[in-house]
């Protein structure tokens, strides 16, 4: 599963999503309803920095 990373400016942290992934609680990650999960900067692929990420605002669940 490929992760898509972004910078959550609301929480000031790296986040990721797994497009098309169905979670145990019934949520499905889609482009219309992304499910952003917290990540660490160390999780980023080699050569990718926080400055390279697009900015998103994840909702508090």
C-alpha atoms as a PDB file:
ATOM      1  CA  UNK A   1       0.000   0.000   0.000  1.00  0.00           C
ATOM      2  CA  UNK A   2       1.401   3.343  -1.047  1.00  0.00           C
ATOM      3  CA  UNK A   3       1.216   6.116   1.493  1.00  0.00           C
ATOM      4  CA  UNK A   4       0.582   9.719   0.471  1.00  0.00           C
ATOM      5  CA  UNK A   5       2.282  12.150   2.844  1.00  0.00           C
ATOM      6  CA  UNK A   6       1.327  15.750   3.594  1.00  0.00           C
ATOM      7  CA  UNK A   7       1.858  18.464   6.205  1.00  0.00           C
ATOM      8  CA  UNK A   8      -1.120  19.061   8.501  1.00  0.00           C
ATOM      9  CA  UNK A   9      -0.877  22.774   9.238  1.00  0.00           C
ATOM     10  CA  UNK A  10      -3.684  22.546  11.810  1.00  0.00           C
ATOM     11  CA  UNK A  11      -1.725  20.111  14.002  1.00  0.00           C
ATOM     12  CA  UNK A  12       1.765  21.062  12.759  1.00  0.00           C
ATOM     13  CA  UNK A  13       2.752  17.502  11.929  1.00  0.00           C
ATOM     14  CA  UNK A  14       3.405  15.091   9.095  1.00  0.00           C
ATOM     15  CA  UNK A  15       0.371  12.986   8.163  1.00  0.00           C
ATOM     16  CA  UNK A  16      -0.300  10.253   5.637  1.00  0.00           C
ATOM     17  CA  UNK A  17      -3.198   8.502   3.964  1.00  0.00           C
ATOM     18  CA  UNK A  18      -3.603   5.222   2.113  1.00  0.00           C
ATOM     19  CA  UNK A  19      -5.925   5.858  -0.859  1.00  0.00           C
ATOM     20  CA  UNK A  20      -8.604   3.183  -1.203  1.00  0.00           C
ATOM     21  CA  UNK A  21      -7.899   1.651   2.214  1.00  0.00           C
ATOM     22  CA  UNK A  22     -10.918   0.424   4.202  1.00  0.00           C
ATOM     23  CA  UNK A  23     -10.506   0.809   7.964  1.00  0.00           C
ATOM     24  CA  UNK A  24     -11.943  -1.564  10.563  1.00  0.00           C
ATOM     25  CA  UNK A  25     -14.318   1.170  11.759  1.00  0.00           C
ATOM     26  CA  UNK A  26     -15.893   1.341   8.287  1.00  0.00           C
ATOM     27  CA  UNK A  27     -14.173   4.485   7.023  1.00  0.00           C
ATOM     28  CA  UNK A  28     -12.754   4.303   3.519  1.00  0.00           C
ATOM     29  CA  UNK A  29     -10.016   6.639   2.364  1.00  0.00           C
ATOM     30  CA  UNK A  30     -10.957   8.341  -0.894  1.00  0.00           C
ATOM     31  CA  UNK A  31      -9.986  11.525  -2.701  1.00  0.00           C
ATOM     32  CA  UNK A  32     -13.335  13.049  -1.660  1.00  0.00           C
ATOM     33  CA  UNK A  33     -12.981  11.921   1.959  1.00  0.00           C
ATOM     34  CA  UNK A  34      -9.314  11.401   2.830  1.00  0.00           C
ATOM     35  CA  UNK A  35      -8.404   9.801   6.156  1.00  0.00           C
ATOM     36  CA  UNK A  36      -5.229  11.502   7.381  1.00  0.00           C
ATOM     37  CA  UNK A  37      -3.225   9.625  10.007  1.00  0.00           C
ATOM     38  CA  UNK A  38      -0.363  11.036  12.100  1.00  0.00           C
ATOM     39  CA  UNK A  39       3.182  10.217  11.023  1.00  0.00           C
ATOM     40  CA  UNK A  40       6.714  11.168  11.973  1.00  0.00           C
ATOM     41  CA  UNK A  41       9.108  13.072   9.787  1.00  0.00           C
ATOM     42  CA  UNK A  42      11.311   9.953   9.904  1.00  0.00           C
ATOM     43  CA  UNK A  43       8.534   8.043   8.036  1.00  0.00           C
ATOM     44  CA  UNK A  44       9.018  10.161   4.903  1.00  0.00           C
ATOM     45  CA  UNK A  45      10.613   8.446   1.903  1.00  0.00           C
ATOM     46  CA  UNK A  46      14.314   9.037   1.426  1.00  0.00           C
ATOM     47  CA  UNK A  47      14.993  12.413  -0.165  1.00  0.00           C
ATOM     48  CA  UNK A  48      11.595  13.899   0.797  1.00  0.00           C
ATOM     49  CA  UNK A  49      11.467  16.715   3.351  1.00  0.00           C
ATOM     50  CA  UNK A  50       8.623  18.487   5.114  1.00  0.00           C
ATOM     51  CA  UNK A  51       9.123  21.428   2.746  1.00  0.00           C
ATOM     52  CA  UNK A  52       8.290  19.117  -0.193  1.00  0.00           C
ATOM     53  CA  UNK A  53       4.868  18.167   1.213  1.00  0.00           C
ATOM     54  CA  UNK A  54       1.557  19.728   0.284  1.00  0.00           C
ATOM     55  CA  UNK A  55      -0.397  21.349   3.105  1.00  0.00           C
ATOM     56  CA  UNK A  56      -3.658  19.857   4.380  1.00  0.00           C
ATOM     57  CA  UNK A  57      -5.897  20.407   7.368  1.00  0.00           C
ATOM     58  CA  UNK A  58      -7.043  17.182   8.996  1.00  0.00           C
ATOM     59  CA  UNK A  59     -10.198  17.145  11.071  1.00  0.00           C
ATOM     60  CA  UNK A  60     -10.217  16.129  14.699  1.00  0.00           C
ATOM     61  CA  UNK A  61     -12.084  12.840  14.984  1.00  0.00           C
END
